[in-house]
Amino acid sequence: MNGISDSHGIVDAIRSSQAGIKRGLAGLERDAQTIAHANVEPESTSDLTAALVDSREQRLQVQLSARMLRTASETLGALLDVKV
């Protein structure tokens, strides 16, 4: 692979990471709304349980995407250091 192809892959990884973080945060916001409404509507305990489990998954999504973003950023930085 040449440097240009490598950098395009890294840019794609950064975009994918950012999209993963955005999706995870949107999911967390949705789950927070469900949890908040569960306090008002006691019959929605199954929604509450699902939202709590999903919020854990969304949190992991954000963490993994952030790690991927950090790795892609470090790789891009290393490529720039080599080329300069």
PDB file of N, CA and C in Angstrom:
ATOM      1  N   MET A   1       0.827  -1.192   0.000  1.00  0.00           N
ATOM      2  CA  MET A   1       0.000   0.000   0.000  1.00  0.00           C
ATOM      3  C   MET A   1       0.866   1.247   0.000  1.00  0.00           C
ATOM      4  N   ASN A   2       0.363   2.271  -0.653  1.00  0.00           N
ATOM      5  CA  ASN A   2       1.107   3.514  -0.616  1.00  0.00           C
ATOM      6  C   ASN A   2       0.554   4.418   0.477  1.00  0.00           C
ATOM      7  N   GLY A   3       1.221   5.511   0.726  1.00  0.00           N
ATOM      8  CA  GLY A   3       0.828   6.407   1.803  1.00  0.00           C
ATOM      9  C   GLY A   3      -0.546   7.013   1.620  1.00  0.00           C
ATOM     10  N   ILE A   4      -0.900   7.282   0.354  1.00  0.00           N
ATOM     11  CA  ILE A   4      -2.217   7.880   0.093  1.00  0.00           C
ATOM     12  C   ILE A   4      -3.318   6.900   0.455  1.00  0.00           C
ATOM     13  N   SER A   5      -3.176   5.642   0.058  1.00  0.00           N
ATOM     14  CA  SER A   5      -4.179   4.632   0.401  1.00  0.00           C
ATOM     15  C   SER A   5      -4.273   4.449   1.907  1.00  0.00           C
ATOM     16  N   ASP A   6      -3.120   4.450   2.568  1.00  0.00           N
ATOM     17  CA  ASP A   6      -3.107   4.309   4.024  1.00  0.00           C
ATOM     18  C   ASP A   6      -3.869   5.447   4.685  1.00  0.00           C
ATOM     19  N   SER A   7      -3.642   6.669   4.223  1.00  0.00           N
ATOM     20  CA  SER A   7      -4.290   7.816   4.850  1.00  0.00           C
ATOM     21  C   SER A   7      -5.793   7.816   4.589  1.00  0.00           C
ATOM     22  N   HIS A   8      -6.225   7.329   3.409  1.00  0.00           N
ATOM     23  CA  HIS A   8      -7.665   7.239   3.146  1.00  0.00           C
ATOM     24  C   HIS A   8      -8.315   6.239   4.102  1.00  0.00           C
ATOM     25  N   GLY A   9      -7.643   5.133   4.360  1.00  0.00           N
ATOM     26  CA  GLY A   9      -8.173   4.148   5.307  1.00  0.00           C
ATOM     27  C   GLY A   9      -8.272   4.720   6.707  1.00  0.00           C
ATOM     28  N   ILE A  10      -7.298   5.518   7.075  1.00  0.00           N
ATOM     29  CA  ILE A  10      -7.315   6.137   8.407  1.00  0.00           C
ATOM     30  C   ILE A  10      -8.440   7.161   8.501  1.00  0.00           C
ATOM     31  N   VAL A  11      -8.612   7.937   7.443  1.00  0.00           N
ATOM     32  CA  VAL A  11      -9.709   8.920   7.436  1.00  0.00           C
ATOM     33  C   VAL A  11     -11.052   8.199   7.542  1.00  0.00           C
ATOM     34  N   ASP A  12     -11.192   7.087   6.827  1.00  0.00           N
ATOM     35  CA  ASP A  12     -12.425   6.291   6.928  1.00  0.00           C
ATOM     36  C   ASP A  12     -12.623   5.775   8.347  1.00  0.00           C
ATOM     37  N   ALA A  13     -11.555   5.342   8.992  1.00  0.00           N
ATOM     38  CA  ALA A  13     -11.640   4.856  10.369  1.00  0.00           C
ATOM     39  C   ALA A  13     -12.055   5.978  11.317  1.00  0.00           C
ATOM     40  N   ILE A  14     -11.533   7.175  11.086  1.00  0.00           N
ATOM     41  CA  ILE A  14     -11.900   8.314  11.927  1.00  0.00           C
ATOM     42  C   ILE A  14     -13.379   8.643  11.747  1.00  0.00           C
ATOM     43  N   ARG A  15     -13.836   8.660  10.501  1.00  0.00           N
ATOM     44  CA  ARG A  15     -15.262   8.941  10.245  1.00  0.00           C
ATOM     45  C   ARG A  15     -16.155   7.865  10.871  1.00  0.00           C
ATOM     46  N   SER A  16     -15.750   6.623  10.741  1.00  0.00           N
ATOM     47  CA  SER A  16     -16.520   5.520  11.322  1.00  0.00           C
ATOM     48  C   SER A  16     -16.565   5.639  12.838  1.00  0.00           C
ATOM     49  N   SER A  17     -15.448   6.003  13.430  1.00  0.00           N
ATOM     50  CA  SER A  17     -15.385   6.193  14.889  1.00  0.00           C
ATOM     51  C   SER A  17     -16.311   7.307  15.330  1.00  0.00           C
ATOM     52  N   GLN A  18     -16.268   8.420  14.604  1.00  0.00           N
ATOM     53  CA  GLN A  18     -17.130   9.544  14.950  1.00  0.00           C
ATOM     54  C   GLN A  18     -18.599   9.159  14.817  1.00  0.00           C
ATOM     55  N   ALA A  19     -18.945   8.412  13.786  1.00  0.00           N
ATOM     56  CA  ALA A  19     -20.328   7.968  13.601  1.00  0.00           C
ATOM     57  C   ALA A  19     -20.745   7.030  14.740  1.00  0.00           C
ATOM     58  N   GLY A  20     -19.840   6.150  15.165  1.00  0.00           N
ATOM     59  CA  GLY A  20     -20.127   5.245  16.271  1.00  0.00           C
ATOM     60  C   GLY A  20     -20.366   5.988  17.570  1.00  0.00           C
ATOM     61  N   ILE A  21     -19.573   7.019  17.807  1.00  0.00           N
ATOM     62  CA  ILE A  21     -19.755   7.828  19.005  1.00  0.00           C
ATOM     63  C   ILE A  21     -21.103   8.549  18.944  1.00  0.00           C
ATOM     64  N   LYS A  22     -21.406   9.110  17.790  1.00  0.00           N
ATOM     65  CA  LYS A  22     -22.673   9.829  17.628  1.00  0.00           C
ATOM     66  C   LYS A  22     -23.873   8.897  17.842  1.00  0.00           C
ATOM     67  N   ARG A  23     -23.813   7.685  17.244  1.00  0.00           N
ATOM     68  CA  ARG A  23     -24.899   6.714  17.423  1.00  0.00           C
ATOM     69  C   ARG A  23     -25.037   6.310  18.886  1.00  0.00           C
ATOM     70  N   GLY A  24     -23.912   6.066  19.537  1.00  0.00           N
ATOM     71  CA  GLY A  24     -23.943   5.663  20.936  1.00  0.00           C
ATOM     72  C   GLY A  24     -24.524   6.738  21.835  1.00  0.00           C
ATOM     73  N   LEU A  25     -24.130   7.988  21.595  1.00  0.00           N
ATOM     74  CA  LEU A  25     -24.662   9.083  22.406  1.00  0.00           C
ATOM     75  C   LEU A  25     -26.155   9.289  22.156  1.00  0.00           C
ATOM     76  N   ALA A  26     -26.583   9.138  20.911  1.00  0.00           N
ATOM     77  CA  ALA A  26     -28.020   9.250  20.605  1.00  0.00           C
ATOM     78  C   ALA A  26     -28.792   8.128  21.303  1.00  0.00           C
ATOM     79  N   GLY A  27     -28.228   6.928  21.310  1.00  0.00           N
ATOM     80  CA  GLY A  27     -28.865   5.807  21.995  1.00  0.00           C
ATOM     81  C   GLY A  27     -28.947   6.036  23.496  1.00  0.00           C
ATOM     82  N   LEU A  28     -27.895   6.598  24.066  1.00  0.00           N
ATOM     83  CA  LEU A  28     -27.907   6.910  25.495  1.00  0.00           C
ATOM     84  C   LEU A  28     -28.968   7.956  25.824  1.00  0.00           C
ATOM     85  N   GLU A  29     -29.109   8.933  24.958  1.00  0.00           N
ATOM     86  CA  GLU A  29     -30.137   9.955  25.179  1.00  0.00           C
ATOM     87  C   GLU A  29     -31.536   9.337  25.118  1.00  0.00           C
ATOM     88  N   ARG A  30     -31.744   8.462  24.140  1.00  0.00           N
ATOM     89  CA  ARG A  30     -33.036   7.769  24.006  1.00  0.00           C
ATOM     90  C   ARG A  30     -33.321   6.922  25.249  1.00  0.00           C
ATOM     91  N   ASP A  31     -32.315   6.187  25.714  1.00  0.00           N
ATOM     92  CA  ASP A  31     -32.484   5.347  26.899  1.00  0.00           C
ATOM     93  C   ASP A  31     -32.752   6.191  28.145  1.00  0.00           C
ATOM     94  N   ALA A  32     -32.090   7.336  28.241  1.00  0.00           N
ATOM     95  CA  ALA A  32     -32.309   8.218  29.387  1.00  0.00           C
ATOM     96  C   ALA A  32     -33.753   8.707  29.413  1.00  0.00           C
ATOM     97  N   GLN A  33     -34.298   9.009  28.248  1.00  0.00           N
ATOM     98  CA  GLN A  33     -35.702   9.436  28.181  1.00  0.00           C
ATOM     99  C   GLN A  33     -36.635   8.311  28.634  1.00  0.00           C
ATOM    100  N   THR A  34     -36.334   7.092  28.184  1.00  0.00           N
ATOM    101  CA  THR A  34     -37.154   5.940  28.573  1.00  0.00           C
ATOM    102  C   THR A  34     -37.092   5.726  30.082  1.00  0.00           C
ATOM    103  N   ILE A  35     -35.910   5.836  30.645  1.00  0.00           N
ATOM    104  CA  ILE A  35     -35.735   5.653  32.089  1.00  0.00           C
ATOM    105  C   ILE A  35     -36.464   6.759  32.853  1.00  0.00           C
ATOM    106  N   ALA A  36     -36.373   7.988  32.369  1.00  0.00           N
ATOM    107  CA  ALA A  36     -37.058   9.099  33.033  1.00  0.00           C
ATOM    108  C   ALA A  36     -38.574   8.904  33.017  1.00  0.00           C
ATOM    109  N   HIS A  37     -39.106   8.401  31.913  1.00  0.00           N
ATOM    110  CA  HIS A  37     -40.550   8.188  31.817  1.00  0.00           C
ATOM    111  C   HIS A  37     -41.002   6.990  32.643  1.00  0.00           C
ATOM    112  N   ALA A  38     -40.106   6.057  32.918  1.00  0.00           N
ATOM    113  CA  ALA A  38     -40.462   4.887  33.726  1.00  0.00           C
ATOM    114  C   ALA A  38     -40.825   5.305  35.146  1.00  0.00           C
ATOM    115  N   ASN A  39     -40.239   6.384  35.624  1.00  0.00           N
ATOM    116  CA  ASN A  39     -40.581   6.884  36.956  1.00  0.00           C
ATOM    117  C   ASN A  39     -41.996   7.458  36.990  1.00  0.00           C
ATOM    118  N   VAL A  40     -42.461   7.922  35.847  1.00  0.00           N
ATOM    119  CA  VAL A  40     -43.786   8.524  35.756  1.00  0.00           C
ATOM    120  C   VAL A  40     -44.841   7.462  35.452  1.00  0.00           C
ATOM    121  N   GLU A  41     -44.462   6.476  34.659  1.00  0.00           N
ATOM    122  CA  GLU A  41     -45.387   5.424  34.222  1.00  0.00           C
ATOM    123  C   GLU A  41     -44.931   4.083  34.800  1.00  0.00           C
ATOM    124  N   PRO A  42     -45.386   3.705  35.982  1.00  0.00           N
ATOM    125  CA  PRO A  42     -44.900   2.501  36.664  1.00  0.00           C
ATOM    126  C   PRO A  42     -45.129   1.202  35.889  1.00  0.00           C
ATOM    127  N   GLU A  43     -46.096   1.171  34.986  1.00  0.00           N
ATOM    128  CA  GLU A  43     -46.372  -0.069  34.240  1.00  0.00           C
ATOM    129  C   GLU A  43     -45.311  -0.366  33.171  1.00  0.00           C
ATOM    130  N   SER A  44     -44.371   0.527  32.985  1.00  0.00           N
ATOM    131  CA  SER A  44     -43.375   0.350  31.928  1.00  0.00           C
ATOM    132  C   SER A  44     -42.069  -0.247  32.447  1.00  0.00           C
ATOM    133  N   THR A  45     -42.146  -1.204  33.361  1.00  0.00           N
ATOM    134  CA  THR A  45     -40.922  -1.794  33.928  1.00  0.00           C
ATOM    135  C   THR A  45     -40.123  -2.581  32.899  1.00  0.00           C
ATOM    136  N   SER A  46     -40.786  -3.215  31.930  1.00  0.00           N
ATOM    137  CA  SER A  46     -40.032  -3.941  30.912  1.00  0.00           C
ATOM    138  C   SER A  46     -39.263  -2.965  30.024  1.00  0.00           C
ATOM    139  N   ASP A  47     -39.855  -1.794  29.753  1.00  0.00           N
ATOM    140  CA  ASP A  47     -39.143  -0.760  29.000  1.00  0.00           C
ATOM    141  C   ASP A  47     -37.933  -0.269  29.783  1.00  0.00           C
ATOM    142  N   LEU A  48     -38.103  -0.155  31.086  1.00  0.00           N
ATOM    143  CA  LEU A  48     -37.018   0.301  31.952  1.00  0.00           C
ATOM    144  C   LEU A  48     -35.850  -0.682  31.903  1.00  0.00           C
ATOM    145  N   THR A  49     -36.158  -1.954  32.034  1.00  0.00           N
ATOM    146  CA  THR A  49     -35.111  -2.980  32.005  1.00  0.00           C
ATOM    147  C   THR A  49     -34.384  -2.964  30.664  1.00  0.00           C
ATOM    148  N   ALA A  50     -35.141  -2.912  29.581  1.00  0.00           N
ATOM    149  CA  ALA A  50     -34.531  -2.877  28.249  1.00  0.00           C
ATOM    150  C   ALA A  50     -33.668  -1.635  28.070  1.00  0.00           C
ATOM    151  N   ALA A  51     -34.137  -0.506  28.558  1.00  0.00           N
ATOM    152  CA  ALA A  51     -33.376   0.739  28.434  1.00  0.00           C
ATOM    153  C   ALA A  51     -32.087   0.686  29.242  1.00  0.00           C
ATOM    154  N   LEU A  52     -32.129   0.080  30.420  1.00  0.00           N
ATOM    155  CA  LEU A  52     -30.923  -0.036  31.244  1.00  0.00           C
ATOM    156  C   LEU A  52     -29.884  -0.929  30.576  1.00  0.00           C
ATOM    157  N   VAL A  53     -30.334  -2.047  30.023  1.00  0.00           N
ATOM    158  CA  VAL A  53     -29.414  -2.947  29.316  1.00  0.00           C
ATOM    159  C   VAL A  53     -28.862  -2.262  28.078  1.00  0.00           C
ATOM    160  N   ASP A  54     -29.742  -1.614  27.310  1.00  0.00           N
ATOM    161  CA  ASP A  54     -29.309  -0.942  26.093  1.00  0.00           C
ATOM    162  C   ASP A  54     -28.350   0.199  26.407  1.00  0.00           C
ATOM    163  N   SER A  55     -28.575   0.904  27.500  1.00  0.00           N
ATOM    164  CA  SER A  55     -27.674   2.014  27.838  1.00  0.00           C
ATOM    165  C   SER A  55     -26.264   1.501  28.123  1.00  0.00           C
ATOM    166  N   ARG A  56     -26.169   0.321  28.700  1.00  0.00           N
ATOM    167  CA  ARG A  56     -24.840  -0.284  28.922  1.00  0.00           C
ATOM    168  C   ARG A  56     -24.173  -0.597  27.582  1.00  0.00           C
ATOM    169  N   GLU A  57     -24.952  -1.133  26.649  1.00  0.00           N
ATOM    170  CA  GLU A  57     -24.421  -1.429  25.314  1.00  0.00           C
ATOM    171  C   GLU A  57     -23.993  -0.145  24.598  1.00  0.00           C
ATOM    172  N   GLN A  58     -24.811   0.898  24.732  1.00  0.00           N
ATOM    173  CA  GLN A  58     -24.483   2.173  24.080  1.00  0.00           C
ATOM    174  C   GLN A  58     -23.207   2.767  24.678  1.00  0.00           C
ATOM    175  N   ARG A  59     -23.053   2.632  25.979  1.00  0.00           N
ATOM    176  CA  ARG A  59     -21.840   3.137  26.640  1.00  0.00           C
ATOM    177  C   ARG A  59     -20.604   2.417  26.104  1.00  0.00           C
ATOM    178  N   LEU A  60     -20.715   1.109  25.957  1.00  0.00           N
ATOM    179  CA  LEU A  60     -19.596   0.341  25.399  1.00  0.00           C
ATOM    180  C   LEU A  60     -19.317   0.751  23.961  1.00  0.00           C
ATOM    181  N   GLN A  61     -20.379   1.025  23.189  1.00  0.00           N
ATOM    182  CA  GLN A  61     -20.223   1.487  21.807  1.00  0.00           C
ATOM    183  C   GLN A  61     -19.408   2.772  21.763  1.00  0.00           C
ATOM    184  N   VAL A  62     -19.745   3.705  22.637  1.00  0.00           N
ATOM    185  CA  VAL A  62     -19.033   4.977  22.673  1.00  0.00           C
ATOM    186  C   VAL A  62     -17.571   4.760  23.080  1.00  0.00           C
ATOM    187  N   GLN A  63     -17.337   3.929  24.081  1.00  0.00           N
ATOM    188  CA  GLN A  63     -15.969   3.674  24.535  1.00  0.00           C
ATOM    189  C   GLN A  63     -15.129   3.029  23.435  1.00  0.00           C
ATOM    190  N   LEU A  64     -15.682   2.033  22.765  1.00  0.00           N
ATOM    191  CA  LEU A  64     -14.943   1.353  21.703  1.00  0.00           C
ATOM    192  C   LEU A  64     -14.680   2.286  20.528  1.00  0.00           C
ATOM    193  N   SER A  65     -15.655   3.087  20.183  1.00  0.00           N
ATOM    194  CA  SER A  65     -15.470   4.041  19.084  1.00  0.00           C
ATOM    195  C   SER A  65     -14.415   5.082  19.443  1.00  0.00           C
ATOM    196  N   ALA A  66     -14.394   5.506  20.693  1.00  0.00           N
ATOM    197  CA  ALA A  66     -13.385   6.467  21.137  1.00  0.00           C
ATOM    198  C   ALA A  66     -11.987   5.855  21.073  1.00  0.00           C
ATOM    199  N   ARG A  67     -11.875   4.592  21.447  1.00  0.00           N
ATOM    200  CA  ARG A  67     -10.571   3.910  21.340  1.00  0.00           C
ATOM    201  C   ARG A  67     -10.133   3.803  19.887  1.00  0.00           C
ATOM    202  N   MET A  68     -11.087   3.476  19.015  1.00  0.00           N
ATOM    203  CA  MET A  68     -10.766   3.372  17.592  1.00  0.00           C
ATOM    204  C   MET A  68     -10.334   4.729  17.051  1.00  0.00           C
ATOM    205  N   LEU A  69     -11.007   5.787  17.474  1.00  0.00           N
ATOM    206  CA  LEU A  69     -10.656   7.141  17.046  1.00  0.00           C
ATOM    207  C   LEU A  69      -9.248   7.504  17.517  1.00  0.00           C
ATOM    208  N   ARG A  70      -8.938   7.175  18.766  1.00  0.00           N
ATOM    209  CA  ARG A  70      -7.606   7.472  19.293  1.00  0.00           C
ATOM    210  C   ARG A  70      -6.528   6.723  18.509  1.00  0.00           C
ATOM    211  N   THR A  71      -6.784   5.443  18.216  1.00  0.00           N
ATOM    212  CA  THR A  71      -5.814   4.645  17.477  1.00  0.00           C
ATOM    213  C   THR A  71      -5.617   5.194  16.067  1.00  0.00           C
ATOM    214  N   ALA A  72      -6.704   5.549  15.401  1.00  0.00           N
ATOM    215  CA  ALA A  72      -6.605   6.102  14.047  1.00  0.00           C
ATOM    216  C   ALA A  72      -5.854   7.429  14.070  1.00  0.00           C
ATOM    217  N   SER A  73      -6.124   8.250  15.070  1.00  0.00           N
ATOM    218  CA  SER A  73      -5.448   9.537  15.191  1.00  0.00           C
ATOM    219  C   SER A  73      -3.953   9.354  15.437  1.00  0.00           C
ATOM    220  N   GLU A  74      -3.607   8.412  16.303  1.00  0.00           N
ATOM    221  CA  GLU A  74      -2.188   8.130  16.576  1.00  0.00           C
ATOM    222  C   GLU A  74      -1.494   7.596  15.330  1.00  0.00           C
ATOM    223  N   THR A  75      -2.179   6.747  14.579  1.00  0.00           N
ATOM    224  CA  THR A  75      -1.612   6.191  13.349  1.00  0.00           C
ATOM    225  C   THR A  75      -1.384   7.288  12.327  1.00  0.00           C
ATOM    226  N   LEU A  76      -2.368   8.172  12.176  1.00  0.00           N
ATOM    227  CA  LEU A  76      -2.227   9.280  11.251  1.00  0.00           C
ATOM    228  C   LEU A  76      -1.065  10.166  11.670  1.00  0.00           C
ATOM    229  N   GLY A  77      -0.955  10.426  12.953  1.00  0.00           N
ATOM    230  CA  GLY A  77       0.158  11.217  13.453  1.00  0.00           C
ATOM    231  C   GLY A  77       1.508  10.570  13.163  1.00  0.00           C
ATOM    232  N   ALA A  78       1.567   9.253  13.324  1.00  0.00           N
ATOM    233  CA  ALA A  78       2.812   8.532  13.038  1.00  0.00           C
ATOM    234  C   ALA A  78       3.148   8.602  11.548  1.00  0.00           C
ATOM    235  N   LEU A  79       2.133   8.483  10.697  1.00  0.00           N
ATOM    236  CA  LEU A  79       2.376   8.608   9.257  1.00  0.00           C
ATOM    237  C   LEU A  79       2.880   9.999   8.900  1.00  0.00           C
ATOM    238  N   LEU A  80       2.303  11.009   9.511  1.00  0.00           N
ATOM    239  CA  LEU A  80       2.741  12.375   9.240  1.00  0.00           C
ATOM    240  C   LEU A  80       4.172  12.591   9.732  1.00  0.00           C
ATOM    241  N   ASP A  81       4.524  12.006  10.878  1.00  0.00           N
ATOM    242  CA  ASP A  81       5.882  12.124  11.391  1.00  0.00           C
ATOM    243  C   ASP A  81       6.886  11.489  10.450  1.00  0.00           C
ATOM    244  N   VAL A  82       6.508  10.338   9.866  1.00  0.00           N
ATOM    245  CA  VAL A  82       7.404   9.632   8.946  1.00  0.00           C
ATOM    246  C   VAL A  82       7.573  10.417   7.660  1.00  0.00           C
ATOM    247  N   LYS A  83       6.505  11.023   7.164  1.00  0.00           N
ATOM    248  CA  LYS A  83       6.560  11.742   5.899  1.00  0.00           C
ATOM    249  C   LYS A  83       7.238  13.088   6.016  1.00  0.00           C
ATOM    250  N   VAL A  84       7.273  13.671   7.206  1.00  0.00           N
ATOM    251  CA  VAL A  84       7.861  15.011   7.367  1.00  0.00           C
ATOM    252  C   VAL A  84       9.313  14.953   7.546  1.00  0.00           C
TER     253      VAL A  84
END
